[in-house]
């Protein structure tokens, strides 16, 4: 066009002819546009990344760059070449490893990122020309932000192992305290003190025996099976009571008042109740133990 100013001082300012051509009045004469001769721009614009600023320090982008730990702000400057309508070039960018999708940057030619986590990233940018034809290849480069020592996997693994070791040591310490308390409460100073949960194990064994009897006798005698089932329920209730006691004071109910042989005799008596078997005991003065 001869001039940009299309103001001829009269009306109409423009006219469309029968052949489709457009006639416009300008201050320097008449301008004509033939739409049929206007060809679309089929050349995608080449894209380039001009520079990267890291905490206000300019870095020339290469194939890949490595950044020191603690860098918090990154600015990416990019451009695309278009001689037809450079002001209509549009951009999309993505920082792989941070962005999930493409970011529509419009006509802006800079991308900002702050507070990135340590790791490997790839910055990509693509552009389109004035007719919306995109350059899918665009430009890209890789960068690696090194972590501080306390952000590395080996540091996390060391912390986990340290916590596990401390937990194990605390568990052993508490176990020794509990065992010492149990031994002192039972009046024993032997290094291998019988633990109070032995009574609970005996109760569970009694339940197992009774259930076995039920399994064998149920088809033959329902009444006898009912008797054993009643015995099982009693043992279960007693076992639960014993377990609750162990949780609170870690001391056996039988051993609080008797020694170990007497506790075994008491357990045998409960197991053989309602049967023809009876536990026999010898005088503690002669043998110091009970026999079944």
C-alpha atoms as a PDB file:
ATOM      1  CA  UNK A   1       0.000   0.000   0.000  1.00  0.00           C
ATOM      2  CA  UNK A   2       1.062   3.532  -0.629  1.00  0.00           C
ATOM      3  CA  UNK A   3       0.151   4.565   2.898  1.00  0.00           C
ATOM      4  CA  UNK A   4      -1.397   3.046   6.015  1.00  0.00           C
ATOM      5  CA  UNK A   5      -3.903   5.852   6.501  1.00  0.00           C
ATOM      6  CA  UNK A   6      -7.141   4.895   4.756  1.00  0.00           C
ATOM      7  CA  UNK A   7      -9.029   8.145   5.165  1.00  0.00           C
ATOM      8  CA  UNK A   8      -9.950   9.758   1.857  1.00  0.00           C
ATOM      9  CA  UNK A   9     -12.186  12.409   3.355  1.00  0.00           C
ATOM     10  CA  UNK A  10     -15.361  11.101   1.663  1.00  0.00           C
ATOM     11  CA  UNK A  11     -17.953   8.363   1.834  1.00  0.00           C
ATOM     12  CA  UNK A  12     -17.976   5.471   1.462  1.00  0.00           C
ATOM     13  CA  UNK A  13     -14.472   4.756   2.784  1.00  0.00           C
ATOM     14  CA  UNK A  14     -14.368   1.447   0.934  1.00  0.00           C
ATOM     15  CA  UNK A  15     -16.107  -0.383  -1.872  1.00  0.00           C
ATOM     16  CA  UNK A  16     -16.427  -4.014  -2.979  1.00  0.00           C
ATOM     17  CA  UNK A  17     -16.593  -4.493  -6.685  1.00  0.00           C
ATOM     18  CA  UNK A  18     -18.569  -7.076  -8.633  1.00  0.00           C
ATOM     19  CA  UNK A  19     -15.395  -9.088  -9.191  1.00  0.00           C
ATOM     20  CA  UNK A  20     -14.745  -9.313  -5.412  1.00  0.00           C
ATOM     21  CA  UNK A  21     -11.898  -6.859  -5.287  1.00  0.00           C
ATOM     22  CA  UNK A  22     -11.807  -4.298  -2.461  1.00  0.00           C
ATOM     23  CA  UNK A  23     -11.269  -0.602  -3.164  1.00  0.00           C
ATOM     24  CA  UNK A  24     -10.087   1.643  -0.309  1.00  0.00           C
ATOM     25  CA  UNK A  25      -9.636   5.388  -0.214  1.00  0.00           C
ATOM     26  CA  UNK A  26      -6.370   6.666   1.273  1.00  0.00           C
ATOM     27  CA  UNK A  27      -4.926  10.134   1.695  1.00  0.00           C
ATOM     28  CA  UNK A  28      -2.609   9.367  -1.219  1.00  0.00           C
ATOM     29  CA  UNK A  29      -5.079   7.768  -3.597  1.00  0.00           C
ATOM     30  CA  UNK A  30      -7.043   4.603  -4.095  1.00  0.00           C
ATOM     31  CA  UNK A  31      -5.780   1.173  -2.940  1.00  0.00           C
ATOM     32  CA  UNK A  32      -7.054  -2.122  -4.268  1.00  0.00           C
ATOM     33  CA  UNK A  33      -6.944  -5.576  -2.679  1.00  0.00           C
ATOM     34  CA  UNK A  34      -7.775  -8.759  -4.583  1.00  0.00           C
ATOM     35  CA  UNK A  35      -8.650 -11.489  -1.961  1.00  0.00           C
ATOM     36  CA  UNK A  36      -8.177 -14.250  -4.530  1.00  0.00           C
ATOM     37  CA  UNK A  37      -4.518 -13.386  -4.823  1.00  0.00           C
ATOM     38  CA  UNK A  38      -3.885 -13.490  -1.058  1.00  0.00           C
ATOM     39  CA  UNK A  39      -2.073 -16.752  -0.275  1.00  0.00           C
ATOM     40  CA  UNK A  40      -2.026 -18.308   3.242  1.00  0.00           C
ATOM     41  CA  UNK A  41       1.269 -18.394   5.069  1.00  0.00           C
ATOM     42  CA  UNK A  42       2.329 -22.037   4.872  1.00  0.00           C
ATOM     43  CA  UNK A  43       5.744 -21.513   6.436  1.00  0.00           C
ATOM     44  CA  UNK A  44       5.914 -22.416  10.158  1.00  0.00           C
ATOM     45  CA  UNK A  45       8.194 -20.066  12.042  1.00  0.00           C
ATOM     46  CA  UNK A  46      11.548 -21.420  13.241  1.00  0.00           C
ATOM     47  CA  UNK A  47      11.880 -21.243  17.014  1.00  0.00           C
ATOM     48  CA  UNK A  48      14.950 -20.609  19.128  1.00  0.00           C
ATOM     49  CA  UNK A  49      15.740 -20.190  22.823  1.00  0.00           C
ATOM     50  CA  UNK A  50      17.858 -17.096  23.218  1.00  0.00           C
ATOM     51  CA  UNK A  51      18.923 -17.203  26.847  1.00  0.00           C
ATOM     52  CA  UNK A  52      18.165 -18.497  30.330  1.00  0.00           C
ATOM     53  CA  UNK A  53      18.410 -16.290  33.400  1.00  0.00           C
ATOM     54  CA  UNK A  54      19.054 -18.102  36.680  1.00  0.00           C
ATOM     55  CA  UNK A  55      18.642 -15.822  39.699  1.00  0.00           C
ATOM     56  CA  UNK A  56      19.371 -12.784  37.462  1.00  0.00           C
ATOM     57  CA  UNK A  57      22.455 -14.470  35.986  1.00  0.00           C
ATOM     58  CA  UNK A  58      22.345 -14.933  32.216  1.00  0.00           C
ATOM     59  CA  UNK A  59      23.279 -18.358  30.822  1.00  0.00           C
ATOM     60  CA  UNK A  60      23.559 -19.233  27.161  1.00  0.00           C
ATOM     61  CA  UNK A  61      21.433 -22.341  26.555  1.00  0.00           C
ATOM     62  CA  UNK A  62      23.324 -25.290  25.164  1.00  0.00           C
ATOM     63  CA  UNK A  63      22.342 -28.903  24.735  1.00  0.00           C
ATOM     64  CA  UNK A  64      22.078 -29.217  28.518  1.00  0.00           C
ATOM     65  CA  UNK A  65      23.093 -27.214  31.567  1.00  0.00           C
ATOM     66  CA  UNK A  66      23.704 -28.146  35.202  1.00  0.00           C
ATOM     67  CA  UNK A  67      22.776 -25.756  37.986  1.00  0.00           C
ATOM     68  CA  UNK A  68      24.141 -25.564  41.508  1.00  0.00           C
ATOM     69  CA  UNK A  69      21.855 -26.374  44.469  1.00  0.00           C
ATOM     70  CA  UNK A  70      19.654 -23.614  45.815  1.00  0.00           C
ATOM     71  CA  UNK A  71      18.724 -21.895  42.539  1.00  0.00           C
ATOM     72  CA  UNK A  72      15.167 -20.653  42.942  1.00  0.00           C
ATOM     73  CA  UNK A  73      14.208 -18.558  39.883  1.00  0.00           C
ATOM     74  CA  UNK A  74      14.543 -19.436  36.195  1.00  0.00           C
ATOM     75  CA  UNK A  75      13.484 -17.241  33.246  1.00  0.00           C
ATOM     76  CA  UNK A  76      13.456 -18.647  29.703  1.00  0.00           C
ATOM     77  CA  UNK A  77      13.689 -16.202  26.773  1.00  0.00           C
ATOM     78  CA  UNK A  78      12.608 -17.502  23.354  1.00  0.00           C
ATOM     79  CA  UNK A  79      11.583 -16.139  19.946  1.00  0.00           C
ATOM     80  CA  UNK A  80      10.358 -17.171  16.486  1.00  0.00           C
ATOM     81  CA  UNK A  81      11.167 -15.673  13.086  1.00  0.00           C
ATOM     82  CA  UNK A  82       8.301 -14.459  10.867  1.00  0.00           C
ATOM     83  CA  UNK A  83       8.611 -11.764   8.212  1.00  0.00           C
ATOM     84  CA  UNK A  84       4.908 -11.662   7.302  1.00  0.00           C
ATOM     85  CA  UNK A  85       3.370 -10.705  10.652  1.00  0.00           C
ATOM     86  CA  UNK A  86       5.808 -11.193  13.552  1.00  0.00           C
ATOM     87  CA  UNK A  87       3.403  -9.538  15.992  1.00  0.00           C
ATOM     88  CA  UNK A  88       0.890 -12.364  15.386  1.00  0.00           C
ATOM     89  CA  UNK A  89       3.248 -15.218  16.236  1.00  0.00           C
ATOM     90  CA  UNK A  90       1.941 -17.230  19.192  1.00  0.00           C
ATOM     91  CA  UNK A  91       3.864 -19.521  21.540  1.00  0.00           C
ATOM     92  CA  UNK A  92       3.292 -22.559  23.726  1.00  0.00           C
ATOM     93  CA  UNK A  93       5.863 -23.898  26.182  1.00  0.00           C
ATOM     94  CA  UNK A  94       6.245 -26.717  28.671  1.00  0.00           C
ATOM     95  CA  UNK A  95       8.808 -27.612  31.328  1.00  0.00           C
ATOM     96  CA  UNK A  96       8.815 -31.407  31.308  1.00  0.00           C
ATOM     97  CA  UNK A  97       9.161 -32.691  34.833  1.00  0.00           C
ATOM     98  CA  UNK A  98       7.032 -29.813  36.166  1.00  0.00           C
ATOM     99  CA  UNK A  99       4.219 -28.967  33.705  1.00  0.00           C
ATOM    100  CA  UNK A 100       1.743 -31.686  32.768  1.00  0.00           C
ATOM    101  CA  UNK A 101       0.369 -29.885  29.689  1.00  0.00           C
ATOM    102  CA  UNK A 102       1.424 -27.153  27.311  1.00  0.00           C
ATOM    103  CA  UNK A 103       1.162 -23.603  28.633  1.00  0.00           C
ATOM    104  CA  UNK A 104      -0.359 -21.054  26.210  1.00  0.00           C
ATOM    105  CA  UNK A 105       2.074 -18.147  26.303  1.00  0.00           C
ATOM    106  CA  UNK A 106       0.222 -16.085  23.681  1.00  0.00           C
ATOM    107  CA  UNK A 107       2.543 -13.532  22.117  1.00  0.00           C
ATOM    108  CA  UNK A 108       4.736 -13.353  25.237  1.00  0.00           C
ATOM    109  CA  UNK A 109       8.336 -14.393  24.622  1.00  0.00           C
ATOM    110  CA  UNK A 110       9.401 -15.286  28.139  1.00  0.00           C
ATOM    111  CA  UNK A 111       8.489 -18.023  30.641  1.00  0.00           C
ATOM    112  CA  UNK A 112       8.958 -17.754  34.416  1.00  0.00           C
ATOM    113  CA  UNK A 113       9.531 -20.573  36.931  1.00  0.00           C
ATOM    114  CA  UNK A 114      10.269 -20.313  40.655  1.00  0.00           C
ATOM    115  CA  UNK A 115      11.051 -22.715  43.504  1.00  0.00           C
ATOM    116  CA  UNK A 116      11.722 -25.777  41.368  1.00  0.00           C
ATOM    117  CA  UNK A 117      12.575 -28.989  43.146  1.00  0.00           C
ATOM    118  CA  UNK A 118      15.950 -30.593  42.421  1.00  0.00           C
ATOM    119  CA  UNK A 119      15.877 -32.874  39.433  1.00  0.00           C
ATOM    120  CA  UNK A 120      16.122 -33.118  35.653  1.00  0.00           C
ATOM    121  CA  UNK A 121      13.932 -30.981  33.398  1.00  0.00           C
ATOM    122  CA  UNK A 122      13.459 -30.329  29.675  1.00  0.00           C
ATOM    123  CA  UNK A 123      12.169 -26.960  28.480  1.00  0.00           C
ATOM    124  CA  UNK A 124      10.283 -27.016  25.169  1.00  0.00           C
ATOM    125  CA  UNK A 125       8.705 -24.186  23.171  1.00  0.00           C
ATOM    126  CA  UNK A 126       6.739 -24.209  19.901  1.00  0.00           C
ATOM    127  CA  UNK A 127       5.300 -21.347  17.811  1.00  0.00           C
ATOM    128  CA  UNK A 128       2.663 -20.653  15.150  1.00  0.00           C
ATOM    129  CA  UNK A 129       2.618 -18.070  12.352  1.00  0.00           C
ATOM    130  CA  UNK A 130      -0.055 -15.470  11.594  1.00  0.00           C
ATOM    131  CA  UNK A 131      -2.299 -18.085   9.960  1.00  0.00           C
ATOM    132  CA  UNK A 132      -2.150 -20.484  12.930  1.00  0.00           C
ATOM    133  CA  UNK A 133       0.283 -22.960  11.393  1.00  0.00           C
ATOM    134  CA  UNK A 134       2.358 -24.480  14.225  1.00  0.00           C
ATOM    135  CA  UNK A 135       5.936 -25.599  14.229  1.00  0.00           C
ATOM    136  CA  UNK A 136       5.581 -28.864  16.217  1.00  0.00           C
ATOM    137  CA  UNK A 137       9.338 -29.370  16.578  1.00  0.00           C
ATOM    138  CA  UNK A 138      10.137 -26.026  18.146  1.00  0.00           C
ATOM    139  CA  UNK A 139      13.201 -25.774  20.365  1.00  0.00           C
ATOM    140  CA  UNK A 140      14.275 -27.570  23.540  1.00  0.00           C
ATOM    141  CA  UNK A 141      17.145 -28.044  25.948  1.00  0.00           C
ATOM    142  CA  UNK A 142      17.801 -30.038  29.131  1.00  0.00           C
ATOM    143  CA  UNK A 143      18.779 -28.803  32.558  1.00  0.00           C
ATOM    144  CA  UNK A 144      19.681 -30.493  35.828  1.00  0.00           C
ATOM    145  CA  UNK A 145      19.182 -28.785  39.183  1.00  0.00           C
ATOM    146  CA  UNK A 146      21.480 -30.447  41.696  1.00  0.00           C
ATOM    147  CA  UNK A 147      20.034 -31.120  45.167  1.00  0.00           C
ATOM    148  CA  UNK A 148      21.458 -30.193  48.541  1.00  0.00           C
ATOM    149  CA  UNK A 149      22.924 -33.128  50.471  1.00  0.00           C
ATOM    150  CA  UNK A 150      19.813 -33.252  52.662  1.00  0.00           C
ATOM    151  CA  UNK A 151      17.605 -33.614  49.554  1.00  0.00           C
ATOM    152  CA  UNK A 152      19.287 -36.734  48.174  1.00  0.00           C
ATOM    153  CA  UNK A 153      17.889 -40.254  48.289  1.00  0.00           C
ATOM    154  CA  UNK A 154      20.877 -41.606  50.198  1.00  0.00           C
ATOM    155  CA  UNK A 155      20.278 -39.002  52.919  1.00  0.00           C
ATOM    156  CA  UNK A 156      16.613 -40.063  53.212  1.00  0.00           C
ATOM    157  CA  UNK A 157      17.664 -43.713  53.326  1.00  0.00           C
ATOM    158  CA  UNK A 158      20.218 -42.947  56.049  1.00  0.00           C
ATOM    159  CA  UNK A 159      17.552 -41.160  58.091  1.00  0.00           C
ATOM    160  CA  UNK A 160      15.174 -44.100  57.764  1.00  0.00           C
ATOM    161  CA  UNK A 161      17.863 -46.585  58.783  1.00  0.00           C
ATOM    162  CA  UNK A 162      18.830 -44.395  61.744  1.00  0.00           C
ATOM    163  CA  UNK A 163      15.229 -44.166  62.920  1.00  0.00           C
ATOM    164  CA  UNK A 164      14.806 -47.918  62.518  1.00  0.00           C
ATOM    165  CA  UNK A 165      17.989 -48.556  64.520  1.00  0.00           C
ATOM    166  CA  UNK A 166      16.892 -46.183  67.287  1.00  0.00           C
ATOM    167  CA  UNK A 167      13.465 -47.815  67.371  1.00  0.00           C
ATOM    168  CA  UNK A 168      15.038 -51.266  67.634  1.00  0.00           C
ATOM    169  CA  UNK A 169      17.333 -50.145  70.446  1.00  0.00           C
ATOM    170  CA  UNK A 170      14.406 -48.563  72.283  1.00  0.00           C
ATOM    171  CA  UNK A 171      12.406 -51.766  71.858  1.00  0.00           C
ATOM    172  CA  UNK A 172      15.259 -53.876  73.292  1.00  0.00           C
ATOM    173  CA  UNK A 173      15.655 -51.447  76.180  1.00  0.00           C
ATOM    174  CA  UNK A 174      11.960 -51.590  77.017  1.00  0.00           C
ATOM    175  CA  UNK A 175      11.933 -55.384  76.660  1.00  0.00           C
ATOM    176  CA  UNK A 176      14.766 -55.696  79.166  1.00  0.00           C
ATOM    177  CA  UNK A 177      12.935 -53.358  81.544  1.00  0.00           C
ATOM    178  CA  UNK A 178       9.735 -55.420  81.297  1.00  0.00           C
ATOM    179  CA  UNK A 179      11.554 -58.725  81.769  1.00  0.00           C
ATOM    180  CA  UNK A 180      13.410 -57.328  84.765  1.00  0.00           C
ATOM    181  CA  UNK A 181      10.157 -56.084  86.291  1.00  0.00           C
ATOM    182  CA  UNK A 182       8.492 -59.468  85.772  1.00  0.00           C
ATOM    183  CA  UNK A 183      11.396 -61.330  87.345  1.00  0.00           C
ATOM    184  CA  UNK A 184      11.522 -58.991  90.315  1.00  0.00           C
ATOM    185  CA  UNK A 185       7.753 -59.276  90.784  1.00  0.00           C
ATOM    186  CA  UNK A 186       7.974 -63.072  90.774  1.00  0.00           C
ATOM    187  CA  UNK A 187      10.783 -63.038  93.323  1.00  0.00           C
ATOM    188  CA  UNK A 188      13.327 -64.587  90.964  1.00  0.00           C
ATOM    189  CA  UNK A 189      16.842 -63.459  90.164  1.00  0.00           C
ATOM    190  CA  UNK A 190      17.617 -66.120  87.544  1.00  0.00           C
ATOM    191  CA  UNK A 191      18.770 -64.885  84.169  1.00  0.00           C
ATOM    192  CA  UNK A 192      16.092 -66.956  82.347  1.00  0.00           C
ATOM    193  CA  UNK A 193      12.947 -66.064  84.241  1.00  0.00           C
ATOM    194  CA  UNK A 194       9.727 -67.880  83.150  1.00  0.00           C
ATOM    195  CA  UNK A 195       7.500 -65.352  81.475  1.00  0.00           C
ATOM    196  CA  UNK A 196       3.966 -64.777  82.694  1.00  0.00           C
ATOM    197  CA  UNK A 197       2.397 -65.349  79.311  1.00  0.00           C
ATOM    198  CA  UNK A 198       3.116 -69.096  79.712  1.00  0.00           C
ATOM    199  CA  UNK A 199      -0.234 -69.377  81.499  1.00  0.00           C
ATOM    200  CA  UNK A 200      -1.955 -67.799  78.508  1.00  0.00           C
ATOM    201  CA  UNK A 201      -0.259 -70.322  76.217  1.00  0.00           C
ATOM    202  CA  UNK A 202      -1.538 -73.133  78.460  1.00  0.00           C
ATOM    203  CA  UNK A 203      -5.058 -71.726  78.208  1.00  0.00           C
ATOM    204  CA  UNK A 204      -4.852 -71.636  74.422  1.00  0.00           C
ATOM    205  CA  UNK A 205      -3.536 -75.204  74.423  1.00  0.00           C
ATOM    206  CA  UNK A 206      -6.500 -76.267  76.528  1.00  0.00           C
ATOM    207  CA  UNK A 207      -8.863 -74.642  74.042  1.00  0.00           C
ATOM    208  CA  UNK A 208      -7.184 -76.528  71.220  1.00  0.00           C
ATOM    209  CA  UNK A 209      -7.561 -79.856  73.035  1.00  0.00           C
ATOM    210  CA  UNK A 210     -11.218 -79.238  73.807  1.00  0.00           C
ATOM    211  CA  UNK A 211     -11.989 -78.304  70.217  1.00  0.00           C
ATOM    212  CA  UNK A 212     -10.302 -81.487  69.041  1.00  0.00           C
ATOM    213  CA  UNK A 213     -12.528 -83.504  71.365  1.00  0.00           C
ATOM    214  CA  UNK A 214     -15.595 -81.678  70.041  1.00  0.00           C
ATOM    215  CA  UNK A 215     -14.610 -82.472  66.451  1.00  0.00           C
ATOM    216  CA  UNK A 216     -14.347 -86.177  67.255  1.00  0.00           C
ATOM    217  CA  UNK A 217     -17.413 -86.556  69.439  1.00  0.00           C
ATOM    218  CA  UNK A 218     -20.000 -84.274  67.794  1.00  0.00           C
ATOM    219  CA  UNK A 219     -21.351 -86.904  65.362  1.00  0.00           C
ATOM    220  CA  UNK A 220     -21.596 -89.550  68.073  1.00  0.00           C
ATOM    221  CA  UNK A 221     -22.843 -87.686  71.116  1.00  0.00           C
ATOM    222  CA  UNK A 222     -24.293 -84.202  70.955  1.00  0.00           C
ATOM    223  CA  UNK A 223     -24.695 -83.996  74.725  1.00  0.00           C
ATOM    224  CA  UNK A 224     -21.042 -84.769  75.373  1.00  0.00           C
ATOM    225  CA  UNK A 225     -20.030 -82.248  72.718  1.00  0.00           C
ATOM    226  CA  UNK A 226     -22.151 -79.590  74.446  1.00  0.00           C
ATOM    227  CA  UNK A 227     -20.290 -80.251  77.712  1.00  0.00           C
ATOM    228  CA  UNK A 228     -16.955 -79.736  76.005  1.00  0.00           C
ATOM    229  CA  UNK A 229     -18.204 -76.614  74.256  1.00  0.00           C
ATOM    230  CA  UNK A 230     -19.183 -75.180  77.617  1.00  0.00           C
ATOM    231  CA  UNK A 231     -15.679 -75.965  78.854  1.00  0.00           C
ATOM    232  CA  UNK A 232     -14.181 -74.196  75.823  1.00  0.00           C
ATOM    233  CA  UNK A 233     -16.230 -71.064  76.497  1.00  0.00           C
ATOM    234  CA  UNK A 234     -15.051 -71.024  80.103  1.00  0.00           C
ATOM    235  CA  UNK A 235     -11.422 -71.400  79.032  1.00  0.00           C
ATOM    236  CA  UNK A 236     -11.807 -68.647  76.458  1.00  0.00           C
ATOM    237  CA  UNK A 237     -13.242 -66.273  79.045  1.00  0.00           C
ATOM    238  CA  UNK A 238     -10.462 -67.120  81.454  1.00  0.00           C
ATOM    239  CA  UNK A 239      -7.831 -66.688  78.732  1.00  0.00           C
ATOM    240  CA  UNK A 240      -9.193 -63.256  77.824  1.00  0.00           C
ATOM    241  CA  UNK A 241      -9.118 -62.219  81.468  1.00  0.00           C
ATOM    242  CA  UNK A 242      -5.528 -63.431  81.747  1.00  0.00           C
ATOM    243  CA  UNK A 243      -4.535 -61.547  78.587  1.00  0.00           C
ATOM    244  CA  UNK A 244      -6.015 -58.320  79.918  1.00  0.00           C
ATOM    245  CA  UNK A 245      -4.153 -58.769  83.161  1.00  0.00           C
ATOM    246  CA  UNK A 246      -0.864 -59.311  81.290  1.00  0.00           C
ATOM    247  CA  UNK A 247      -1.374 -56.127  79.319  1.00  0.00           C
ATOM    248  CA  UNK A 248      -1.716 -54.084  82.494  1.00  0.00           C
ATOM    249  CA  UNK A 249       0.741 -55.589  84.931  1.00  0.00           C
ATOM    250  CA  UNK A 250       2.506 -58.386  82.957  1.00  0.00           C
ATOM    251  CA  UNK A 251       2.027 -60.774  85.861  1.00  0.00           C
ATOM    252  CA  UNK A 252       0.320 -64.189  85.849  1.00  0.00           C
ATOM    253  CA  UNK A 253      -2.798 -64.551  87.946  1.00  0.00           C
ATOM    254  CA  UNK A 254      -1.732 -68.001  89.141  1.00  0.00           C
ATOM    255  CA  UNK A 255       1.847 -67.012  89.898  1.00  0.00           C
ATOM    256  CA  UNK A 256       0.737 -64.028  91.984  1.00  0.00           C
ATOM    257  CA  UNK A 257      -0.411 -66.425  94.706  1.00  0.00           C
ATOM    258  CA  UNK A 258       1.321 -69.724  93.882  1.00  0.00           C
ATOM    259  CA  UNK A 259       4.534 -71.044  92.421  1.00  0.00           C
ATOM    260  CA  UNK A 260       4.852 -72.560  88.933  1.00  0.00           C
ATOM    261  CA  UNK A 261       3.974 -76.201  89.954  1.00  0.00           C
ATOM    262  CA  UNK A 262       0.844 -74.992  91.703  1.00  0.00           C
ATOM    263  CA  UNK A 263      -0.145 -72.975  88.635  1.00  0.00           C
ATOM    264  CA  UNK A 264       0.293 -76.040  86.420  1.00  0.00           C
ATOM    265  CA  UNK A 265      -1.835 -78.106  88.800  1.00  0.00           C
ATOM    266  CA  UNK A 266      -4.560 -75.482  88.683  1.00  0.00           C
ATOM    267  CA  UNK A 267      -4.545 -75.524  84.882  1.00  0.00           C
ATOM    268  CA  UNK A 268      -4.705 -79.332  84.825  1.00  0.00           C
ATOM    269  CA  UNK A 269      -7.634 -79.261  87.263  1.00  0.00           C
ATOM    270  CA  UNK A 270      -9.605 -76.950  84.979  1.00  0.00           C
ATOM    271  CA  UNK A 271      -8.845 -79.064  81.908  1.00  0.00           C
ATOM    272  CA  UNK A 272      -9.975 -82.337  83.527  1.00  0.00           C
ATOM    273  CA  UNK A 273     -13.129 -80.972  85.141  1.00  0.00           C
ATOM    274  CA  UNK A 274     -16.246 -83.080  84.548  1.00  0.00           C
ATOM    275  CA  UNK A 275     -14.097 -86.073  83.634  1.00  0.00           C
ATOM    276  CA  UNK A 276     -13.014 -89.199  85.504  1.00  0.00           C
ATOM    277  CA  UNK A 277      -9.422 -87.976  85.658  1.00  0.00           C
ATOM    278  CA  UNK A 278      -8.178 -86.173  88.724  1.00  0.00           C
ATOM    279  CA  UNK A 279      -4.756 -84.575  89.251  1.00  0.00           C
ATOM    280  CA  UNK A 280      -2.688 -86.084  92.046  1.00  0.00           C
ATOM    281  CA  UNK A 281      -0.266 -84.081  94.124  1.00  0.00           C
ATOM    282  CA  UNK A 282       2.592 -84.976  96.383  1.00  0.00           C
ATOM    283  CA  UNK A 283       3.476 -83.213  99.525  1.00  0.00           C
ATOM    284  CA  UNK A 284       5.620 -80.142  98.762  1.00  0.00           C
ATOM    285  CA  UNK A 285       7.713 -80.972 101.799  1.00  0.00           C
ATOM    286  CA  UNK A 286       8.836 -84.269 100.245  1.00  0.00           C
ATOM    287  CA  UNK A 287       9.204 -83.437  96.583  1.00  0.00           C
ATOM    288  CA  UNK A 288       8.699 -79.697  96.241  1.00  0.00           C
ATOM    289  CA  UNK A 289       6.573 -80.198  93.101  1.00  0.00           C
ATOM    290  CA  UNK A 290       3.140 -81.301  91.960  1.00  0.00           C
ATOM    291  CA  UNK A 291       2.419 -84.302  89.746  1.00  0.00           C
ATOM    292  CA  UNK A 292      -0.589 -85.075  87.559  1.00  0.00           C
END
